[in-house]
Amino acid sequence: MLLRHPRVLIPGDAGAGNPRTPASRGTSIVALGLAVLGLACSAPDQPSGRGISAPDIKVLSLSGDTVHLASLRGTPVLLNLWATWCEPCKEETPYLESVAQKYAPQGLEVVGLSQDARGSDEAIAAFVKQYGVSYTILRDPDMIAMERYAIVGLPTTLLLDREGIIRYVTIGAVSTRDPGFEMTIKALLQ
């Protein structure tokens, strides 16, 4: 039995109804990949996790030392999951730096947790230099935090109280347009 290519109709497609060639299938796969990447850097409707204890995970410092996130308990923490390839992450970094400058002297520990793959050390260092990041940067090359914290997109920012309880979650870039973000920081510092 001879199988024929199914006819795929795409509105506005000049080749609509014609069999897809390997090249056109490749274009479709690239488009699908870009759509998935776009979803990885977008905000879902409802952030979750508030009120639960932040899971402890082992991550790496920029020098390669192992760090337990639980070691940050006892101080309020802003934990930002980001990646060098994420455009919204780039957009929010100057604001996060200003938050670190404003609230770190009052006791807020600001931590950027890179989700970049292994071998991205140079890209991470270049990002830190380009954006003038002075707050702590840790690496999670296996994306364990994404799984343990049930994160569905980057960037994601969590605010943890002194006991390590998640008090605030935002998926997508944080900005001055969200008054609840800095209000929560101020409450955690009291």
C-alpha atoms as a PDB file:
ATOM      1  CA  MET A   1       0.000   0.000   0.000  1.00  0.00           C
ATOM      2  CA  LEU A   2       1.383   3.392  -0.968  1.00  0.00           C
ATOM      3  CA  LEU A   3       0.953   6.096   1.692  1.00  0.00           C
ATOM      4  CA  ARG A   4       0.489   9.640   0.519  1.00  0.00           C
ATOM      5  CA  HIS A   5       1.367  12.767   2.436  1.00  0.00           C
ATOM      6  CA  PRO A   6      -1.654  14.172   4.251  1.00  0.00           C
ATOM      7  CA  ARG A   7      -2.812  17.553   3.019  1.00  0.00           C
ATOM      8  CA  VAL A   8      -2.244  20.192   5.651  1.00  0.00           C
ATOM      9  CA  LEU A   9      -4.188  23.426   5.295  1.00  0.00           C
ATOM     10  CA  ILE A  10      -2.672  26.517   6.810  1.00  0.00           C
ATOM     11  CA  PRO A  11      -4.699  29.716   6.373  1.00  0.00           C
ATOM     12  CA  GLY A  12      -2.856  32.225   4.230  1.00  0.00           C
ATOM     13  CA  ASP A  13      -0.357  29.584   3.103  1.00  0.00           C
ATOM     14  CA  ALA A  14       0.341  29.828  -0.638  1.00  0.00           C
ATOM     15  CA  GLY A  15       1.027  26.103  -0.638  1.00  0.00           C
ATOM     16  CA  ALA A  16      -2.168  25.231   1.248  1.00  0.00           C
ATOM     17  CA  GLY A  17      -3.469  21.827   0.301  1.00  0.00           C
ATOM     18  CA  ASN A  18      -0.214  20.728  -1.298  1.00  0.00           C
ATOM     19  CA  PRO A  19       1.827  17.968   0.301  1.00  0.00           C
ATOM     20  CA  ARG A  20       4.512  19.202   2.663  1.00  0.00           C
ATOM     21  CA  THR A  21       8.064  18.642   1.556  1.00  0.00           C
ATOM     22  CA  PRO A  22      10.893  17.836   3.963  1.00  0.00           C
ATOM     23  CA  ALA A  23      12.016  21.484   3.679  1.00  0.00           C
ATOM     24  CA  SER A  24       8.558  22.828   4.520  1.00  0.00           C
ATOM     25  CA  ARG A  25       8.281  20.369   7.396  1.00  0.00           C
ATOM     26  CA  GLY A  26      11.629  21.679   8.654  1.00  0.00           C
ATOM     27  CA  THR A  27      10.284  25.214   8.563  1.00  0.00           C
ATOM     28  CA  SER A  28       7.241  24.072  10.529  1.00  0.00           C
ATOM     29  CA  ILE A  29       9.446  22.394  13.102  1.00  0.00           C
ATOM     30  CA  VAL A  30      11.515  25.568  13.484  1.00  0.00           C
ATOM     31  CA  ALA A  31       8.310  27.611  13.901  1.00  0.00           C
ATOM     32  CA  LEU A  32       7.055  25.155  16.524  1.00  0.00           C
ATOM     33  CA  GLY A  33      10.395  25.344  18.348  1.00  0.00           C
ATOM     34  CA  LEU A  34      10.252  29.145  18.403  1.00  0.00           C
ATOM     35  CA  ALA A  35       6.695  29.012  19.728  1.00  0.00           C
ATOM     36  CA  VAL A  36       7.780  26.695  22.558  1.00  0.00           C
ATOM     37  CA  LEU A  37      10.737  28.975  23.345  1.00  0.00           C
ATOM     38  CA  GLY A  38       8.330  31.914  23.457  1.00  0.00           C
ATOM     39  CA  LEU A  39       6.176  30.036  25.958  1.00  0.00           C
ATOM     40  CA  ALA A  40       9.246  29.398  28.104  1.00  0.00           C
ATOM     41  CA  CYS A  41       9.619  33.160  28.484  1.00  0.00           C
ATOM     42  CA  SER A  42       5.977  34.023  29.049  1.00  0.00           C
ATOM     43  CA  ALA A  43       3.688  34.347  32.012  1.00  0.00           C
ATOM     44  CA  PRO A  44       0.868  31.914  32.708  1.00  0.00           C
ATOM     45  CA  ASP A  45      -2.385  33.148  34.202  1.00  0.00           C
ATOM     46  CA  GLN A  46      -1.844  32.040  37.810  1.00  0.00           C
ATOM     47  CA  PRO A  47       1.437  31.828  39.703  1.00  0.00           C
ATOM     48  CA  SER A  48       1.452  29.189  42.435  1.00  0.00           C
ATOM     49  CA  GLY A  49       3.516  28.102  45.410  1.00  0.00           C
ATOM     50  CA  ARG A  50       2.683  30.838  47.882  1.00  0.00           C
ATOM     51  CA  GLY A  51       2.641  29.754  51.501  1.00  0.00           C
ATOM     52  CA  ILE A  52       4.734  26.614  51.059  1.00  0.00           C
ATOM     53  CA  SER A  53       8.273  25.979  52.216  1.00  0.00           C
ATOM     54  CA  ALA A  54      10.807  26.552  49.457  1.00  0.00           C
ATOM     55  CA  PRO A  55      12.401  23.227  48.518  1.00  0.00           C
ATOM     56  CA  ASP A  56      16.095  22.934  49.285  1.00  0.00           C
ATOM     57  CA  ILE A  57      18.214  22.222  46.250  1.00  0.00           C
ATOM     58  CA  LYS A  58      21.939  22.092  45.617  1.00  0.00           C
ATOM     59  CA  VAL A  59      23.189  24.614  43.077  1.00  0.00           C
ATOM     60  CA  LEU A  60      26.590  25.929  42.058  1.00  0.00           C
ATOM     61  CA  SER A  61      28.370  29.202  42.695  1.00  0.00           C
ATOM     62  CA  LEU A  62      30.118  30.863  39.754  1.00  0.00           C
ATOM     63  CA  SER A  63      33.365  29.380  41.065  1.00  0.00           C
ATOM     64  CA  GLY A  64      31.829  25.873  41.013  1.00  0.00           C
ATOM     65  CA  ASP A  65      31.249  25.399  44.754  1.00  0.00           C
ATOM     66  CA  THR A  66      28.074  23.622  45.870  1.00  0.00           C
ATOM     67  CA  VAL A  67      25.525  25.830  47.634  1.00  0.00           C
ATOM     68  CA  HIS A  68      22.365  24.666  49.412  1.00  0.00           C
ATOM     69  CA  LEU A  69      19.524  27.139  48.969  1.00  0.00           C
ATOM     70  CA  ALA A  70      18.417  26.243  52.514  1.00  0.00           C
ATOM     71  CA  SER A  71      21.602  27.960  53.726  1.00  0.00           C
ATOM     72  CA  LEU A  72      19.838  31.260  52.959  1.00  0.00           C
ATOM     73  CA  ARG A  73      17.206  30.657  55.649  1.00  0.00           C
ATOM     74  CA  GLY A  74      17.220  33.229  58.390  1.00  0.00           C
ATOM     75  CA  THR A  75      17.137  36.148  55.971  1.00  0.00           C
ATOM     76  CA  PRO A  76      14.492  37.328  53.479  1.00  0.00           C
ATOM     77  CA  VAL A  77      15.410  36.208  49.958  1.00  0.00           C
ATOM     78  CA  LEU A  78      14.536  37.390  46.483  1.00  0.00           C
ATOM     79  CA  LEU A  79      15.163  34.348  44.281  1.00  0.00           C
ATOM     80  CA  ASN A  80      15.112  35.071  40.557  1.00  0.00           C
ATOM     81  CA  LEU A  81      15.275  32.208  38.047  1.00  0.00           C
ATOM     82  CA  TRP A  82      16.620  33.465  34.735  1.00  0.00           C
ATOM     83  CA  ALA A  83      18.707  32.577  31.688  1.00  0.00           C
ATOM     84  CA  THR A  84      21.044  34.523  29.417  1.00  0.00           C
ATOM     85  CA  TRP A  85      18.931  33.700  26.339  1.00  0.00           C
ATOM     86  CA  CYS A  86      15.650  34.910  27.889  1.00  0.00           C
ATOM     87  CA  GLU A  87      14.646  38.363  26.595  1.00  0.00           C
ATOM     88  CA  PRO A  88      12.290  39.227  29.515  1.00  0.00           C
ATOM     89  CA  CYS A  89      15.136  38.267  31.863  1.00  0.00           C
ATOM     90  CA  LYS A  90      17.332  40.862  30.171  1.00  0.00           C
ATOM     91  CA  GLU A  91      14.584  43.466  30.483  1.00  0.00           C
ATOM     92  CA  GLU A  92      14.082  42.941  34.220  1.00  0.00           C
ATOM     93  CA  THR A  93      17.739  42.720  35.266  1.00  0.00           C
ATOM     94  CA  PRO A  94      18.331  46.485  35.645  1.00  0.00           C
ATOM     95  CA  TYR A  95      15.249  46.687  37.889  1.00  0.00           C
ATOM     96  CA  LEU A  96      16.443  43.715  39.966  1.00  0.00           C
ATOM     97  CA  GLU A  97      19.824  45.422  40.347  1.00  0.00           C
ATOM     98  CA  SER A  98      18.071  48.564  41.614  1.00  0.00           C
ATOM     99  CA  VAL A  99      16.050  46.442  44.070  1.00  0.00           C
ATOM    100  CA  ALA A 100      19.288  44.850  45.302  1.00  0.00           C
ATOM    101  CA  GLN A 101      20.921  48.263  45.758  1.00  0.00           C
ATOM    102  CA  LYS A 102      17.874  49.575  47.638  1.00  0.00           C
ATOM    103  CA  TYR A 103      17.035  46.615  49.897  1.00  0.00           C
ATOM    104  CA  ALA A 104      20.228  44.572  50.391  1.00  0.00           C
ATOM    105  CA  PRO A 105      21.501  47.088  52.983  1.00  0.00           C
ATOM    106  CA  GLN A 106      18.260  46.450  54.897  1.00  0.00           C
ATOM    107  CA  GLY A 107      18.837  42.673  54.911  1.00  0.00           C
ATOM    108  CA  LEU A 108      17.335  41.348  51.656  1.00  0.00           C
ATOM    109  CA  GLU A 109      19.454  38.631  50.018  1.00  0.00           C
ATOM    110  CA  VAL A 110      19.023  38.911  46.237  1.00  0.00           C
ATOM    111  CA  VAL A 111      19.971  35.760  44.338  1.00  0.00           C
ATOM    112  CA  GLY A 112      19.875  35.224  40.599  1.00  0.00           C
ATOM    113  CA  LEU A 113      19.678  31.510  39.789  1.00  0.00           C
ATOM    114  CA  SER A 114      20.805  30.935  36.206  1.00  0.00           C
ATOM    115  CA  GLN A 115      19.028  28.149  34.346  1.00  0.00           C
ATOM    116  CA  ASP A 116      21.636  28.141  31.575  1.00  0.00           C
ATOM    117  CA  ALA A 117      23.038  24.761  30.527  1.00  0.00           C
ATOM    118  CA  ARG A 118      26.455  23.442  31.489  1.00  0.00           C
ATOM    119  CA  GLY A 119      29.224  25.118  29.543  1.00  0.00           C
ATOM    120  CA  SER A 120      27.523  28.527  29.685  1.00  0.00           C
ATOM    121  CA  ASP A 121      29.943  30.025  32.215  1.00  0.00           C
ATOM    122  CA  GLU A 122      31.296  32.592  29.751  1.00  0.00           C
ATOM    123  CA  ALA A 123      27.800  33.659  28.667  1.00  0.00           C
ATOM    124  CA  ILE A 124      26.734  34.040  32.306  1.00  0.00           C
ATOM    125  CA  ALA A 125      29.850  36.085  33.140  1.00  0.00           C
ATOM    126  CA  ALA A 126      29.259  38.297  30.091  1.00  0.00           C
ATOM    127  CA  PHE A 127      25.610  38.820  31.117  1.00  0.00           C
ATOM    128  CA  VAL A 128      26.620  39.773  34.666  1.00  0.00           C
ATOM    129  CA  LYS A 129      29.189  42.250  33.327  1.00  0.00           C
ATOM    130  CA  GLN A 130      26.896  43.720  30.658  1.00  0.00           C
ATOM    131  CA  TYR A 131      24.075  44.400  33.131  1.00  0.00           C
ATOM    132  CA  GLY A 132      26.304  45.409  36.059  1.00  0.00           C
ATOM    133  CA  VAL A 133      24.859  42.734  38.339  1.00  0.00           C
ATOM    134  CA  SER A 134      26.212  43.028  41.878  1.00  0.00           C
ATOM    135  CA  TYR A 135      23.876  40.564  43.609  1.00  0.00           C
ATOM    136  CA  THR A 136      24.675  36.879  44.094  1.00  0.00           C
ATOM    137  CA  ILE A 137      24.540  34.717  40.977  1.00  0.00           C
ATOM    138  CA  LEU A 138      24.246  30.949  41.320  1.00  0.00           C
ATOM    139  CA  ARG A 139      23.954  28.294  38.599  1.00  0.00           C
ATOM    140  CA  ASP A 140      21.434  25.492  38.191  1.00  0.00           C
ATOM    141  CA  PRO A 141      22.604  23.894  34.924  1.00  0.00           C
ATOM    142  CA  ASP A 142      20.361  20.847  35.382  1.00  0.00           C
ATOM    143  CA  MET A 143      17.301  23.088  35.926  1.00  0.00           C
ATOM    144  CA  ILE A 144      16.453  21.316  39.170  1.00  0.00           C
ATOM    145  CA  ALA A 145      14.785  24.465  40.526  1.00  0.00           C
ATOM    146  CA  MET A 146      12.416  24.527  37.555  1.00  0.00           C
ATOM    147  CA  GLU A 147      11.201  21.062  38.536  1.00  0.00           C
ATOM    148  CA  ARG A 148      11.265  21.343  42.337  1.00  0.00           C
ATOM    149  CA  TYR A 149       9.585  24.772  42.361  1.00  0.00           C
ATOM    150  CA  ALA A 150       7.151  23.785  39.543  1.00  0.00           C
ATOM    151  CA  ILE A 151       8.270  26.740  37.426  1.00  0.00           C
ATOM    152  CA  VAL A 152       6.686  26.925  33.984  1.00  0.00           C
ATOM    153  CA  GLY A 153       8.453  29.937  32.489  1.00  0.00           C
ATOM    154  CA  LEU A 154      11.359  32.307  32.799  1.00  0.00           C
ATOM    155  CA  PRO A 155      11.927  34.640  34.399  1.00  0.00           C
ATOM    156  CA  THR A 156      10.285  33.682  37.675  1.00  0.00           C
ATOM    157  CA  THR A 157      10.845  35.591  40.893  1.00  0.00           C
ATOM    158  CA  LEU A 158      10.042  34.323  44.370  1.00  0.00           C
ATOM    159  CA  LEU A 159      10.176  36.192  47.654  1.00  0.00           C
ATOM    160  CA  LEU A 160      10.954  33.973  50.647  1.00  0.00           C
ATOM    161  CA  ASP A 161      10.556  34.944  54.274  1.00  0.00           C
ATOM    162  CA  ARG A 162      13.166  34.236  56.957  1.00  0.00           C
ATOM    163  CA  GLU A 163      11.786  30.731  57.488  1.00  0.00           C
ATOM    164  CA  GLY A 164      12.053  29.903  53.784  1.00  0.00           C
ATOM    165  CA  ILE A 165       8.304  30.155  53.115  1.00  0.00           C
ATOM    166  CA  ILE A 166       7.374  31.417  49.659  1.00  0.00           C
ATOM    167  CA  ARG A 167       5.415  34.647  50.156  1.00  0.00           C
ATOM    168  CA  TYR A 168       5.320  36.000  46.622  1.00  0.00           C
ATOM    169  CA  VAL A 169       5.663  34.511  43.121  1.00  0.00           C
ATOM    170  CA  THR A 170       5.656  36.237  39.789  1.00  0.00           C
ATOM    171  CA  ILE A 171       6.187  34.508  36.479  1.00  0.00           C
ATOM    172  CA  GLY A 172       7.419  36.922  33.869  1.00  0.00           C
ATOM    173  CA  ALA A 173       9.520  40.041  34.249  1.00  0.00           C
ATOM    174  CA  VAL A 174       9.124  41.948  37.520  1.00  0.00           C
ATOM    175  CA  SER A 175       8.878  45.701  37.257  1.00  0.00           C
ATOM    176  CA  THR A 176       7.829  48.853  39.036  1.00  0.00           C
ATOM    177  CA  ARG A 177       4.349  48.302  37.547  1.00  0.00           C
ATOM    178  CA  ASP A 178       3.703  45.688  40.249  1.00  0.00           C
ATOM    179  CA  PRO A 179       3.347  47.576  43.536  1.00  0.00           C
ATOM    180  CA  GLY A 180       2.744  44.314  45.426  1.00  0.00           C
ATOM    181  CA  PHE A 181       6.304  43.197  44.716  1.00  0.00           C
ATOM    182  CA  GLU A 182       8.095  45.931  46.672  1.00  0.00           C
ATOM    183  CA  MET A 183       5.304  46.014  49.284  1.00  0.00           C
ATOM    184  CA  THR A 184       6.031  42.328  49.964  1.00  0.00           C
ATOM    185  CA  ILE A 185       9.768  43.026  50.190  1.00  0.00           C
ATOM    186  CA  LYS A 186       9.152  45.783  52.738  1.00  0.00           C
ATOM    187  CA  ALA A 187       6.893  43.482  54.786  1.00  0.00           C
ATOM    188  CA  LEU A 188       9.522  40.721  54.770  1.00  0.00           C
ATOM    189  CA  LEU A 189      12.164  43.129  56.038  1.00  0.00           C
ATOM    190  CA  GLN A 190      10.146  44.190  59.096  1.00  0.00           C
END
